[in-house]
């Protein structure tokens, strides 16, 4: 019983670290999807990148989009990953996607 009590904090830490890694993977996936949605929306209609990124990602990740245009539209989405393990403050993940600029291709 005493050995288990001594080993329990390590088991809890490993469990929390596993959950944190899953959360980071989920956030990276959400950021990538939001970046693709933002780039596509911006290539069709200017000024719609942030709304598309917000719709494509979970709201609790607080997605923020920025874009650059030219012959292509590049959207970068940043999401904030909250920390589950105490003593960490969380961090930001960025994903970028590039799409052809449909307005340029259509001549408008």
C-alpha atoms as a PDB file:
ATOM      1  CA  UNK A   1       0.000   0.000   0.000  1.00  0.00           C
ATOM      2  CA  UNK A   2       2.821   2.388   0.848  1.00  0.00           C
ATOM      3  CA  UNK A   3       4.580   1.682  -2.459  1.00  0.00           C
ATOM      4  CA  UNK A   4       1.386   2.443  -4.378  1.00  0.00           C
ATOM      5  CA  UNK A   5       0.922   5.717  -2.485  1.00  0.00           C
ATOM      6  CA  UNK A   6       4.483   6.711  -3.397  1.00  0.00           C
ATOM      7  CA  UNK A   7       3.982   5.811  -7.064  1.00  0.00           C
ATOM      8  CA  UNK A   8       0.540   7.442  -7.433  1.00  0.00           C
ATOM      9  CA  UNK A   9       1.837  11.000  -8.124  1.00  0.00           C
ATOM     10  CA  UNK A  10       3.922   9.675 -11.034  1.00  0.00           C
ATOM     11  CA  UNK A  11       0.912   7.850 -12.464  1.00  0.00           C
ATOM     12  CA  UNK A  12      -1.188  10.998 -12.212  1.00  0.00           C
ATOM     13  CA  UNK A  13       1.506  13.078 -13.892  1.00  0.00           C
ATOM     14  CA  UNK A  14       1.813  10.577 -16.737  1.00  0.00           C
ATOM     15  CA  UNK A  15      -1.973  10.574 -17.156  1.00  0.00           C
ATOM     16  CA  UNK A  16      -2.132  14.380 -17.243  1.00  0.00           C
ATOM     17  CA  UNK A  17       0.767  14.524 -19.715  1.00  0.00           C
ATOM     18  CA  UNK A  18      -1.054  12.076 -21.990  1.00  0.00           C
ATOM     19  CA  UNK A  19      -4.208  14.176 -21.883  1.00  0.00           C
ATOM     20  CA  UNK A  20      -2.148  17.322 -22.564  1.00  0.00           C
ATOM     21  CA  UNK A  21      -0.526  15.742 -25.622  1.00  0.00           C
ATOM     22  CA  UNK A  22      -3.953  14.759 -26.921  1.00  0.00           C
ATOM     23  CA  UNK A  23      -5.155  18.323 -26.394  1.00  0.00           C
ATOM     24  CA  UNK A  24      -2.162  19.700 -28.300  1.00  0.00           C
ATOM     25  CA  UNK A  25      -2.868  17.318 -31.185  1.00  0.00           C
ATOM     26  CA  UNK A  26      -6.527  18.330 -31.230  1.00  0.00           C
ATOM     27  CA  UNK A  27      -5.606  22.028 -31.202  1.00  0.00           C
ATOM     28  CA  UNK A  28      -3.121  21.553 -34.051  1.00  0.00           C
ATOM     29  CA  UNK A  29      -5.800  19.801 -36.099  1.00  0.00           C
ATOM     30  CA  UNK A  30      -8.323  22.559 -35.353  1.00  0.00           C
ATOM     31  CA  UNK A  31      -5.796  25.276 -36.270  1.00  0.00           C
ATOM     32  CA  UNK A  32      -5.017  23.578 -39.591  1.00  0.00           C
ATOM     33  CA  UNK A  33      -8.700  23.238 -40.467  1.00  0.00           C
ATOM     34  CA  UNK A  34      -9.357  26.844 -39.489  1.00  0.00           C
ATOM     35  CA  UNK A  35      -6.404  28.063 -41.579  1.00  0.00           C
ATOM     36  CA  UNK A  36      -7.705  26.232 -44.658  1.00  0.00           C
ATOM     37  CA  UNK A  37     -11.215  27.595 -44.109  1.00  0.00           C
ATOM     38  CA  UNK A  38      -9.907  31.131 -43.578  1.00  0.00           C
ATOM     39  CA  UNK A  39      -7.730  31.030 -46.703  1.00  0.00           C
ATOM     40  CA  UNK A  40     -10.582  29.695 -48.817  1.00  0.00           C
ATOM     41  CA  UNK A  41     -13.076  32.243 -47.497  1.00  0.00           C
ATOM     42  CA  UNK A  42     -10.632  35.124 -47.989  1.00  0.00           C
ATOM     43  CA  UNK A  43      -9.894  33.991 -51.547  1.00  0.00           C
ATOM     44  CA  UNK A  44     -13.603  34.233 -52.360  1.00  0.00           C
ATOM     45  CA  UNK A  45     -14.690  37.263 -50.321  1.00  0.00           C
ATOM     46  CA  UNK A  46     -12.262  39.776 -48.769  1.00  0.00           C
ATOM     47  CA  UNK A  47     -12.540  40.292 -45.030  1.00  0.00           C
ATOM     48  CA  UNK A  48     -14.152  36.951 -44.190  1.00  0.00           C
ATOM     49  CA  UNK A  49     -11.079  35.086 -42.900  1.00  0.00           C
ATOM     50  CA  UNK A  50     -11.644  35.666 -39.184  1.00  0.00           C
ATOM     51  CA  UNK A  51     -15.293  34.626 -39.323  1.00  0.00           C
ATOM     52  CA  UNK A  52     -14.414  31.468 -41.258  1.00  0.00           C
ATOM     53  CA  UNK A  53     -11.614  30.590 -38.833  1.00  0.00           C
ATOM     54  CA  UNK A  54     -13.908  31.114 -35.852  1.00  0.00           C
ATOM     55  CA  UNK A  55     -16.576  28.903 -37.408  1.00  0.00           C
ATOM     56  CA  UNK A  56     -14.103  26.141 -38.307  1.00  0.00           C
ATOM     57  CA  UNK A  57     -12.386  25.808 -34.903  1.00  0.00           C
ATOM     58  CA  UNK A  58     -13.637  25.209 -31.382  1.00  0.00           C
ATOM     59  CA  UNK A  59     -14.438  28.527 -29.726  1.00  0.00           C
ATOM     60  CA  UNK A  60     -12.579  27.667 -26.492  1.00  0.00           C
ATOM     61  CA  UNK A  61      -9.304  27.635 -28.486  1.00  0.00           C
ATOM     62  CA  UNK A  62      -9.825  31.346 -29.339  1.00  0.00           C
ATOM     63  CA  UNK A  63      -8.773  31.176 -33.022  1.00  0.00           C
ATOM     64  CA  UNK A  64      -7.248  34.333 -34.484  1.00  0.00           C
ATOM     65  CA  UNK A  65      -6.651  34.646 -38.234  1.00  0.00           C
ATOM     66  CA  UNK A  66      -4.348  36.865 -40.244  1.00  0.00           C
ATOM     67  CA  UNK A  67      -4.087  36.891 -44.027  1.00  0.00           C
ATOM     68  CA  UNK A  68      -1.839  37.976 -46.846  1.00  0.00           C
ATOM     69  CA  UNK A  69      -3.072  38.320 -50.424  1.00  0.00           C
ATOM     70  CA  UNK A  70      -1.606  38.438 -53.889  1.00  0.00           C
ATOM     71  CA  UNK A  71      -1.812  35.736 -56.544  1.00  0.00           C
ATOM     72  CA  UNK A  72      -2.446  33.425 -53.609  1.00  0.00           C
ATOM     73  CA  UNK A  73      -4.122  33.937 -50.247  1.00  0.00           C
ATOM     74  CA  UNK A  74      -2.186  32.842 -47.178  1.00  0.00           C
ATOM     75  CA  UNK A  75      -4.015  32.541 -43.876  1.00  0.00           C
ATOM     76  CA  UNK A  76      -2.298  31.970 -40.548  1.00  0.00           C
ATOM     77  CA  UNK A  77      -4.464  30.888 -37.628  1.00  0.00           C
ATOM     78  CA  UNK A  78      -3.252  30.988 -34.036  1.00  0.00           C
ATOM     79  CA  UNK A  79      -5.042  29.025 -31.314  1.00  0.00           C
ATOM     80  CA  UNK A  80      -4.330  29.044 -27.583  1.00  0.00           C
ATOM     81  CA  UNK A  81      -3.830  25.614 -26.005  1.00  0.00           C
ATOM     82  CA  UNK A  82      -4.757  25.663 -22.317  1.00  0.00           C
ATOM     83  CA  UNK A  83      -2.497  23.817 -19.901  1.00  0.00           C
ATOM     84  CA  UNK A  84      -3.856  20.894 -17.900  1.00  0.00           C
ATOM     85  CA  UNK A  85      -0.655  20.229 -15.972  1.00  0.00           C
ATOM     86  CA  UNK A  86      -0.183  22.720 -13.133  1.00  0.00           C
ATOM     87  CA  UNK A  87       2.739  25.172 -13.369  1.00  0.00           C
ATOM     88  CA  UNK A  88       2.330  25.624 -17.133  1.00  0.00           C
ATOM     89  CA  UNK A  89       0.466  28.576 -18.585  1.00  0.00           C
ATOM     90  CA  UNK A  90      -0.501  27.108 -21.930  1.00  0.00           C
ATOM     91  CA  UNK A  91       0.877  28.168 -25.288  1.00  0.00           C
ATOM     92  CA  UNK A  92      -0.097  29.210 -28.792  1.00  0.00           C
ATOM     93  CA  UNK A  93      -0.062  27.037 -31.920  1.00  0.00           C
ATOM     94  CA  UNK A  94       0.072  28.474 -35.439  1.00  0.00           C
ATOM     95  CA  UNK A  95      -0.899  26.801 -38.693  1.00  0.00           C
ATOM     96  CA  UNK A  96      -0.746  28.316 -42.170  1.00  0.00           C
ATOM     97  CA  UNK A  97      -2.625  27.465 -45.364  1.00  0.00           C
ATOM     98  CA  UNK A  98      -2.318  28.889 -48.877  1.00  0.00           C
ATOM     99  CA  UNK A  99      -5.047  28.885 -51.521  1.00  0.00           C
ATOM    100  CA  UNK A 100      -5.220  30.305 -55.040  1.00  0.00           C
ATOM    101  CA  UNK A 101      -6.759  33.763 -55.103  1.00  0.00           C
ATOM    102  CA  UNK A 102     -10.055  33.190 -56.914  1.00  0.00           C
ATOM    103  CA  UNK A 103     -10.633  36.923 -57.372  1.00  0.00           C
ATOM    104  CA  UNK A 104      -7.365  37.221 -59.320  1.00  0.00           C
ATOM    105  CA  UNK A 105      -8.156  34.102 -61.346  1.00  0.00           C
ATOM    106  CA  UNK A 106     -11.596  35.462 -62.219  1.00  0.00           C
ATOM    107  CA  UNK A 107     -10.184  38.855 -63.193  1.00  0.00           C
ATOM    108  CA  UNK A 108     -12.094  40.874 -60.602  1.00  0.00           C
END
